[in-house]
Amino acid sequence: MKNTLILATVLCALAPAASLAQAGKVINEKDVNESALVDMLTPPPVTRSIKVQRDAQPTPPPSASLLITFETNSAALTPQAKQSLEVVGRALKNEKLNDFKFAIEGHADPRGNATANQKLSQSRAESVAAFLAEQQKIDKARLQPVGKGSSELMNTSNPAASENRRVTIKTLTQ
C-alpha cells in the first residue's frame, strides 16, 4: 500500500459538480464546500400528493462521499482531513440539517484481508464521527459510524482506486 490511503470523493460549489458528485464522480478533499454539502445532504421536502409510478426504484437517501486521508493501516486523521471535516461540521450545524441524523460510512478497497478491511473501515468511520462530535460539537446521537469494508466499490474496474477508499455521509430520513 502507499504511504497514505485516501477515502474518496465529493463536494464542490457549483451545482453541476454537485450533481456529478452524487453520480459517483470523485472530487479532491481540498474542494469540500459547506453550501454544496448542505445541498447534497438536505432531503427533498415531503409533499402530500399521490404519485403513481410503475416499477419506481426507491429514492436513495441524500449523501456525499468525502475524500478523507489516513495514514496506511491507520484511522488517524491527517491535518488536511481535519480541515475538510471542519467544513463538514459547519454544514451539519446548518439549520437545514439540524434535525437530521447521519450515517458515517467508512469504505475500503478490497486489497488485503476482508476482516481487517472491515475493522479498518469501521475505525475510520468512528474516527470521523469522533472528530465531528468532539471538535465540531455535533451531537454524537446524530452520527452513526458504519464500516462497510470493501462491499460497496465505486470503481469496480480498478479495485485499488482511491474512490474505493472513502467516507460517505448519508442523511437518515427515518
Protein backbone atom coordinates (compact mmCIF):
# COMPACT_ATOMS: atom_id res chain seq x y z
CA MET A 1 0.00 0.00 0.00
CA LYS A 2 1.03 3.59 -0.46
CA ASN A 3 2.18 5.87 2.36
CA THR A 4 -1.27 7.37 2.60
CA LEU A 5 -4.64 5.87 1.95
CA ILE A 6 -7.35 8.07 0.60
CA LEU A 7 -11.01 7.62 1.29
CA ALA A 8 -12.69 9.18 -1.70
CA THR A 9 -14.93 11.62 -3.26
CA VAL A 10 -17.17 14.71 -3.41
CA LEU A 11 -18.13 18.30 -2.85
CA CYS A 12 -17.84 21.36 -4.95
CA ALA A 13 -19.53 24.74 -5.00
CA LEU A 14 -21.05 24.52 -8.46
CA ALA A 15 -24.39 22.74 -8.86
CA PRO A 16 -23.27 20.74 -11.93
CA ALA A 17 -20.28 19.47 -10.00
CA ALA A 18 -22.52 18.52 -7.08
CA SER A 19 -24.72 16.56 -9.48
CA LEU A 20 -21.66 14.76 -10.83
CA ALA A 21 -20.54 14.00 -7.30
CA GLN A 22 -23.82 12.34 -6.49
CA ALA A 23 -23.41 10.30 -9.67
CA GLY A 24 -20.18 8.87 -8.21
CA LYS A 25 -17.54 11.30 -9.51
CA VAL A 26 -14.52 11.95 -7.33
CA ILE A 27 -13.51 15.42 -6.17
CA ASN A 28 -10.46 16.10 -4.01
CA GLU A 29 -10.84 16.80 -0.27
CA LYS A 30 -9.48 20.32 -0.70
CA ASP A 31 -12.68 21.08 -2.68
CA VAL A 32 -15.05 20.37 0.21
CA ASN A 33 -17.57 23.23 0.27
CA GLU A 34 -20.09 23.93 3.03
CA SER A 35 -23.01 25.11 0.89
CA ALA A 36 -22.62 22.26 -1.60
CA LEU A 37 -22.52 19.77 1.27
CA VAL A 38 -25.69 21.24 2.81
CA ASP A 39 -27.43 20.97 -0.57
CA MET A 40 -26.29 17.39 -1.11
CA LEU A 41 -27.37 16.21 2.35
CA THR A 42 -30.73 18.03 2.58
CA PRO A 43 -33.60 15.67 1.77
CA PRO A 44 -36.26 16.92 -0.65
CA PRO A 45 -39.35 18.35 1.02
CA VAL A 46 -42.11 15.89 1.85
CA THR A 47 -45.33 16.50 -0.02
CA ARG A 48 -48.77 15.06 0.46
CA SER A 49 -49.51 14.32 -3.16
CA ILE A 50 -50.03 10.85 -4.55
CA LYS A 51 -47.79 9.89 -7.40
CA VAL A 52 -48.27 6.59 -9.20
CA GLN A 53 -45.17 5.20 -10.87
CA ARG A 54 -44.69 1.79 -12.39
CA ASP A 55 -41.55 -0.04 -11.29
CA ALA A 56 -40.25 3.00 -9.44
CA GLN A 57 -36.96 2.50 -7.63
CA PRO A 58 -36.85 3.82 -4.07
CA THR A 59 -35.04 7.12 -3.85
CA PRO A 60 -31.68 6.69 -2.14
CA PRO A 61 -31.02 8.93 0.86
CA PRO A 62 -29.14 12.16 0.21
CA SER A 63 -25.43 11.50 0.56
CA ALA A 64 -21.96 12.87 -0.05
CA SER A 65 -18.78 10.83 -0.33
CA LEU A 66 -15.78 12.68 1.03
CA LEU A 67 -12.12 12.39 0.26
CA ILE A 68 -10.61 11.93 3.72
CA THR A 69 -6.97 10.91 4.06
CA PHE A 70 -5.48 8.46 6.53
CA GLU A 71 -2.02 7.06 7.03
CA THR A 72 -1.55 3.46 5.87
CA ASN A 73 -3.46 0.99 8.05
CA SER A 74 -4.47 3.82 10.37
CA ALA A 75 -7.68 5.54 11.37
CA ALA A 76 -5.82 8.70 12.49
CA LEU A 77 -6.94 11.78 10.58
CA THR A 78 -4.36 13.82 8.67
CA PRO A 79 -4.24 17.64 9.01
CA GLN A 80 -5.91 18.02 5.57
CA ALA A 81 -8.66 15.60 6.60
CA LYS A 82 -9.29 17.65 9.75
CA GLN A 83 -9.61 20.83 7.67
CA SER A 84 -12.17 19.12 5.43
CA LEU A 85 -14.11 17.82 8.43
CA GLU A 86 -14.25 21.33 9.89
CA VAL A 87 -16.23 22.29 6.79
CA VAL A 88 -18.41 19.20 7.21
CA GLY A 89 -19.04 20.16 10.83
CA ARG A 90 -20.21 23.64 9.85
CA ALA A 91 -22.51 22.12 7.23
CA LEU A 92 -24.04 19.67 9.73
CA LYS A 93 -24.78 22.61 12.05
CA ASN A 94 -26.70 24.39 9.28
CA GLU A 95 -30.38 24.94 10.12
CA LYS A 96 -31.42 22.87 7.06
CA LEU A 97 -29.65 19.83 8.52
CA ASN A 98 -30.11 20.46 12.25
CA ASP A 99 -32.94 17.96 12.68
CA PHE A 100 -31.30 15.05 10.85
CA LYS A 101 -29.09 12.14 11.83
CA PHE A 102 -26.32 10.86 9.59
CA ALA A 103 -24.68 7.55 8.81
CA ILE A 104 -20.92 7.98 8.59
CA GLU A 105 -19.86 5.10 6.34
CA GLY A 106 -16.23 4.06 6.08
CA HIS A 107 -15.21 2.22 2.90
CA ALA A 108 -12.09 0.28 1.98
CA ASP A 109 -10.67 -1.14 -1.21
CA PRO A 110 -10.57 -4.95 -1.46
CA ARG A 111 -6.80 -5.31 -1.10
CA GLY A 112 -5.83 -7.25 1.98
CA ASN A 113 -7.84 -9.38 4.36
CA ALA A 114 -11.63 -8.82 4.30
CA THR A 115 -11.91 -8.96 8.10
CA ALA A 116 -9.09 -6.44 8.54
CA ASN A 117 -10.63 -4.15 5.89
CA GLN A 118 -13.98 -4.30 7.70
CA LYS A 119 -12.37 -3.34 11.01
CA LEU A 120 -10.30 -0.59 9.38
CA SER A 121 -13.33 0.92 7.62
CA GLN A 122 -15.27 0.85 10.92
CA SER A 123 -12.37 2.51 12.75
CA ARG A 124 -12.15 5.21 10.11
CA ALA A 125 -15.90 5.89 10.28
CA GLU A 126 -15.59 6.10 14.07
CA SER A 127 -12.59 8.45 13.76
CA VAL A 128 -14.57 10.82 11.52
CA ALA A 129 -17.62 10.68 13.81
CA ALA A 130 -15.45 11.29 16.89
CA PHE A 131 -13.79 14.32 15.27
CA LEU A 132 -17.18 15.78 14.31
CA ALA A 133 -18.54 15.20 17.81
CA GLU A 134 -15.51 16.32 19.82
CA GLN A 135 -14.02 19.07 17.67
CA GLN A 136 -17.11 20.36 15.85
CA LYS A 137 -19.59 19.81 18.69
CA ILE A 138 -22.01 17.72 16.61
CA ASP A 139 -24.22 15.68 18.96
CA LYS A 140 -22.93 12.07 18.94
CA ALA A 141 -26.53 10.86 18.77
CA ARG A 142 -26.75 12.39 15.26
CA LEU A 143 -23.78 10.35 13.97
CA GLN A 144 -23.85 6.62 13.33
CA PRO A 145 -20.45 5.26 12.23
CA VAL A 146 -20.71 2.18 9.99
CA GLY A 147 -17.84 0.19 8.49
CA LYS A 148 -18.62 -1.10 5.01
CA GLY A 149 -15.32 -2.82 4.31
CA SER A 150 -14.98 -3.32 0.56
CA SER A 151 -18.63 -4.19 -0.02
CA GLU A 152 -19.58 -1.04 -1.99
CA LEU A 153 -16.86 -0.28 -4.51
CA MET A 154 -17.35 2.84 -6.63
CA ASN A 155 -14.77 1.73 -9.20
CA THR A 156 -15.17 -1.98 -9.84
CA SER A 157 -12.82 -1.89 -12.86
CA ASN A 158 -9.93 -0.73 -10.65
CA PRO A 159 -10.34 -2.18 -7.14
CA ALA A 160 -7.28 -0.27 -5.85
CA ALA A 161 -8.69 3.10 -7.00
CA SER A 162 -8.76 5.85 -4.38
CA GLU A 163 -12.52 6.34 -4.74
CA ASN A 164 -12.97 2.88 -3.22
CA ARG A 165 -11.36 4.20 -0.01
CA ARG A 166 -13.74 6.90 1.17
CA VAL A 167 -16.11 8.13 3.83
CA THR A 168 -19.72 8.60 2.79
CA ILE A 169 -22.17 10.66 4.82
CA LYS A 170 -25.82 9.69 4.34
CA THR A 171 -28.79 11.58 5.72
CA LEU A 172 -31.01 9.27 7.76
CA THR A 173 -34.57 10.26 6.93
CA GLN A 174 -36.40 7.75 9.09
